[in-house]
Amino acid sequence: AVVSTQSTGANVQIIVANKDNRQVQIQTHPNIDKQAFLEAGIVRMKQAGRPFPLNTNVGVLKWRFQSNDSKDLPLVINCWPSESGRGCDVNIEYELQDTSLELYNVIISIPVSTQGGVGLTVAQCDGSYDHSHGVLQWTVPLVDRSNSSGTLEFTAPGSADSFYPVGVSFNMNSPFCDIRVSGVNAAGSDQSVPYTTECTAFTEQYSIE
């Protein structure tokens, strides 16, 4: 999205660098010059001389990436439940696939019931955990290159399929796809215009069933 805060900086063109080598589908807003973006990675208004609206959050690009390869997931979760006479021994691990990413406030939620008089026993936890309302929440503040994998081991009542679906949430300060703003110029020229960028990415739905 683009936000112009000054009228002198509203008539601009944004240079976008797409360095992602995956099959990322990018769609431009109808008011954006699609040809300029496809040929040169330039985001500008389709109508020449038309500025971006002032103090308005304007969506200009949408991207979409689909894959059946688990290697394309930012974070892989493996859940290994093993039934025993005392309930179920569960081992859950996370692994960061792309070590250039930094995932913040990672929360892995596992359905865990303690009904029937058998309690929850946590043997190992890389991070912290909380159990309430039938959900065991495993929290890791930061997953990055230095903390790219971790394990949670616990024993709880239930069968092997009782611990699904596993929900995952996190946020990032960088885009999942390597698409970034590399510069902003006055429309139709090479004169640079001061700008700042802000990136927020978060999970909307991420589950393992």
Protein backbone atom coordinates (compact mmCIF):
# COMPACT_ATOMS: atom_id res chain seq x y z
CA ALA A 1 0.00 0.00 0.00
CA VAL A 2 1.08 3.60 -0.66
CA VAL A 3 0.44 6.59 1.60
CA SER A 4 1.37 10.09 0.35
CA THR A 5 1.60 12.69 3.10
CA GLN A 6 2.58 15.73 1.02
CA SER A 7 1.12 16.99 -2.23
CA THR A 8 4.63 17.55 -3.61
CA GLY A 9 5.37 13.88 -3.14
CA ALA A 10 2.11 12.44 -4.40
CA ASN A 11 2.95 12.42 -8.10
CA VAL A 12 5.57 9.70 -7.91
CA GLN A 13 6.57 6.33 -9.27
CA ILE A 14 7.75 3.50 -7.03
CA ILE A 15 10.51 1.13 -8.10
CA VAL A 16 9.87 -2.41 -6.91
CA ALA A 17 12.57 -5.08 -6.86
CA ASN A 18 11.23 -8.61 -7.23
CA LYS A 19 14.10 -10.97 -6.37
CA ASP A 20 11.92 -13.95 -5.56
CA ASN A 21 12.71 -16.87 -7.87
CA ARG A 22 9.50 -18.75 -7.08
CA GLN A 23 6.29 -18.62 -9.09
CA VAL A 24 4.81 -15.62 -7.28
CA GLN A 25 1.71 -14.18 -8.95
CA ILE A 26 1.49 -10.40 -8.72
CA GLN A 27 -1.61 -8.38 -9.59
CA THR A 28 -1.73 -4.61 -10.02
CA HIS A 29 -4.65 -2.38 -9.01
CA PRO A 30 -6.79 -1.26 -11.99
CA ASN A 31 -5.58 2.36 -11.54
CA ILE A 32 -1.92 1.29 -11.77
CA ASP A 33 0.02 1.13 -15.05
CA LYS A 34 0.27 -2.64 -15.43
CA GLN A 35 2.63 -2.53 -18.40
CA ALA A 36 5.13 -0.30 -16.59
CA PHE A 37 5.20 -2.73 -13.71
CA LEU A 38 5.59 -5.83 -15.87
CA GLU A 39 8.36 -4.29 -18.00
CA ALA A 40 10.33 -2.27 -15.45
CA GLY A 41 8.96 -2.99 -11.98
CA ILE A 42 7.56 0.56 -11.75
CA VAL A 43 4.38 1.28 -9.80
CA ARG A 44 2.73 4.46 -11.08
CA MET A 45 -0.74 5.71 -11.82
CA LYS A 46 -2.13 4.61 -15.18
CA GLN A 47 -3.36 8.16 -15.93
CA ALA A 48 -0.29 10.34 -16.57
CA GLY A 49 0.02 13.27 -14.16
CA ARG A 50 -2.50 11.84 -11.71
CA PRO A 51 -1.08 11.84 -8.15
CA PHE A 52 -1.67 9.26 -5.46
CA PRO A 53 -4.42 10.35 -3.03
CA LEU A 54 -3.15 12.28 -0.01
CA ASN A 55 -3.15 10.70 3.47
CA THR A 56 -4.94 7.62 2.18
CA ASN A 57 -3.80 4.03 2.38
CA VAL A 58 -3.92 2.96 -1.27
CA GLY A 59 -3.48 -0.68 -2.23
CA VAL A 60 -1.41 -0.97 -5.40
CA LEU A 61 -0.21 -4.59 -5.59
CA LYS A 62 -1.41 -8.01 -4.51
CA TRP A 63 0.72 -11.12 -4.57
CA ARG A 64 -0.17 -14.79 -4.33
CA PHE A 65 2.00 -17.84 -3.92
CA GLN A 66 0.78 -21.44 -3.95
CA SER A 67 2.88 -24.54 -3.44
CA ASN A 68 2.50 -28.20 -2.49
CA ASP A 69 6.13 -28.39 -1.39
CA SER A 70 6.68 -28.24 2.38
CA LYS A 71 10.06 -26.61 1.71
CA ASP A 72 8.17 -23.44 0.78
CA LEU A 73 6.60 -23.14 4.24
CA PRO A 74 8.30 -20.60 6.51
CA LEU A 75 7.89 -22.88 9.53
CA VAL A 76 7.38 -26.65 9.53
CA ILE A 77 5.63 -28.31 12.49
CA ASN A 78 5.97 -32.04 13.14
CA CYS A 79 3.73 -33.72 15.71
CA TRP A 80 4.58 -37.23 16.93
CA PRO A 81 1.94 -38.66 19.33
CA SER A 82 2.56 -42.13 20.74
CA GLU A 83 -0.16 -43.88 22.71
CA SER A 84 0.81 -45.49 25.99
CA GLY A 85 -0.88 -46.98 29.04
CA ARG A 86 -0.84 -43.59 30.79
CA GLY A 87 -2.36 -41.65 27.90
CA CYS A 88 -0.32 -40.29 25.02
CA ASP A 89 3.30 -39.18 24.83
CA VAL A 90 3.54 -36.29 22.39
CA ASN A 91 6.64 -34.79 20.80
CA ILE A 92 6.17 -31.61 18.75
CA GLU A 93 8.99 -29.83 16.97
CA TYR A 94 9.29 -26.73 14.82
CA GLU A 95 11.89 -26.04 12.16
CA LEU A 96 12.53 -22.78 10.34
CA GLN A 97 12.87 -23.53 6.63
CA ASP A 98 14.30 -20.21 5.45
CA THR A 99 16.92 -19.07 7.96
CA SER A 100 16.91 -15.54 6.51
CA LEU A 101 13.45 -15.05 8.07
CA GLU A 102 12.74 -13.81 11.59
CA LEU A 103 9.43 -14.95 13.09
CA TYR A 104 8.17 -13.09 16.15
CA ASN A 105 5.62 -14.14 18.79
CA VAL A 106 5.38 -17.70 17.53
CA ILE A 107 2.45 -19.49 19.19
CA ILE A 108 1.76 -23.18 18.53
CA SER A 109 -1.66 -24.25 19.86
CA ILE A 110 -2.43 -27.92 20.54
CA PRO A 111 -5.83 -29.24 21.71
CA VAL A 112 -5.15 -31.01 25.01
CA SER A 113 -7.94 -32.22 27.29
CA THR A 114 -7.22 -33.23 30.87
CA GLN A 115 -10.64 -34.71 31.58
CA GLY A 116 -10.83 -38.16 33.11
CA GLY A 117 -8.50 -37.50 36.01
CA VAL A 118 -5.27 -37.74 34.00
CA GLY A 119 -3.22 -34.56 34.10
CA LEU A 120 -0.85 -32.86 31.69
CA THR A 121 2.85 -33.41 32.29
CA VAL A 122 5.38 -31.37 30.32
CA ALA A 123 8.82 -33.00 30.13
CA GLN A 124 10.59 -30.48 27.89
CA CYS A 125 9.75 -27.08 26.45
CA ASP A 126 11.99 -24.85 24.36
CA GLY A 127 10.22 -21.61 25.20
CA SER A 128 7.21 -21.28 27.50
CA TYR A 129 3.77 -22.86 27.69
CA ASP A 130 0.33 -22.30 29.12
CA HIS A 131 -2.59 -24.69 29.36
CA SER A 132 -6.14 -23.41 29.69
CA HIS A 133 -9.59 -24.07 28.22
CA GLY A 134 -8.46 -27.33 26.65
CA VAL A 135 -5.60 -25.76 24.64
CA LEU A 136 -1.87 -26.05 25.26
CA GLN A 137 -0.14 -22.93 23.93
CA TRP A 138 3.57 -23.19 23.23
CA THR A 139 5.15 -19.75 22.86
CA VAL A 140 8.54 -18.87 21.38
CA PRO A 141 9.28 -15.11 21.28
CA LEU A 142 11.66 -15.31 18.31
CA VAL A 143 12.47 -18.00 15.77
CA ASP A 144 15.46 -17.12 13.60
CA ARG A 145 18.80 -18.46 12.39
CA SER A 146 20.09 -18.79 15.96
CA ASN A 147 16.91 -20.50 17.19
CA SER A 148 15.75 -22.34 14.10
CA SER A 149 14.36 -25.45 15.79
CA GLY A 150 12.76 -26.41 19.08
CA THR A 151 10.89 -29.18 20.86
CA LEU A 152 7.93 -29.59 23.18
CA GLU A 153 7.40 -32.95 24.89
CA PHE A 154 4.40 -33.75 27.07
CA THR A 155 2.11 -36.53 28.25
CA ALA A 156 -1.67 -36.09 28.28
CA PRO A 157 -4.83 -38.19 28.04
CA GLY A 158 -6.23 -38.99 24.63
CA SER A 159 -5.54 -40.94 21.47
CA ALA A 160 -3.05 -40.04 18.74
CA ASP A 161 -5.59 -38.05 16.73
CA SER A 162 -6.75 -36.03 19.77
CA PHE A 163 -3.97 -33.46 19.33
CA TYR A 164 -5.06 -32.10 15.97
CA PRO A 165 -5.55 -29.63 14.45
CA VAL A 166 -2.40 -27.81 15.55
CA GLY A 167 -2.67 -24.06 15.03
CA VAL A 168 0.28 -21.76 14.38
CA SER A 169 0.52 -17.98 14.49
CA PHE A 170 3.43 -15.55 14.15
CA ASN A 171 4.33 -12.20 12.63
CA MET A 172 7.27 -10.87 10.64
CA ASN A 173 8.85 -7.49 9.93
CA SER A 174 9.81 -8.51 6.40
CA PRO A 175 7.79 -9.88 3.49
CA PHE A 176 7.47 -13.63 3.01
CA CYS A 177 8.22 -13.18 -0.69
CA ASP A 178 11.36 -11.24 -1.64
CA ILE A 179 9.53 -8.22 -3.09
CA ARG A 180 10.73 -4.84 -1.83
CA VAL A 181 10.68 -1.13 -2.60
CA SER A 182 14.09 -0.10 -3.93
CA GLY A 183 13.35 3.57 -4.62
CA VAL A 184 10.79 6.32 -5.21
CA ASN A 185 11.17 8.92 -7.96
CA ALA A 186 9.17 11.87 -9.17
CA ALA A 187 6.84 10.60 -11.92
CA GLY A 188 8.55 10.42 -15.30
CA SER A 189 12.02 11.27 -14.00
CA ASP A 190 15.03 9.92 -12.11
CA GLN A 191 14.74 12.52 -9.35
CA SER A 192 14.53 10.67 -6.05
CA VAL A 193 11.83 11.49 -3.51
CA PRO A 194 12.25 10.89 0.25
CA TYR A 195 10.27 7.91 1.48
CA THR A 196 10.02 5.38 4.29
CA THR A 197 8.85 1.78 4.23
CA GLU A 198 7.10 -0.34 6.82
CA CYS A 199 6.42 -4.04 6.58
CA THR A 200 4.13 -6.21 8.67
CA ALA A 201 3.31 -9.82 7.82
CA PHE A 202 1.21 -12.15 9.94
CA THR A 203 -0.58 -15.48 9.71
CA GLU A 204 -4.28 -15.41 8.97
CA GLN A 205 -4.78 -19.19 9.06
CA TYR A 206 -2.03 -21.74 9.55
CA SER A 207 -3.00 -25.20 10.75
CA ILE A 208 -1.76 -28.79 10.67
CA GLU A 209 -4.51 -31.41 10.53
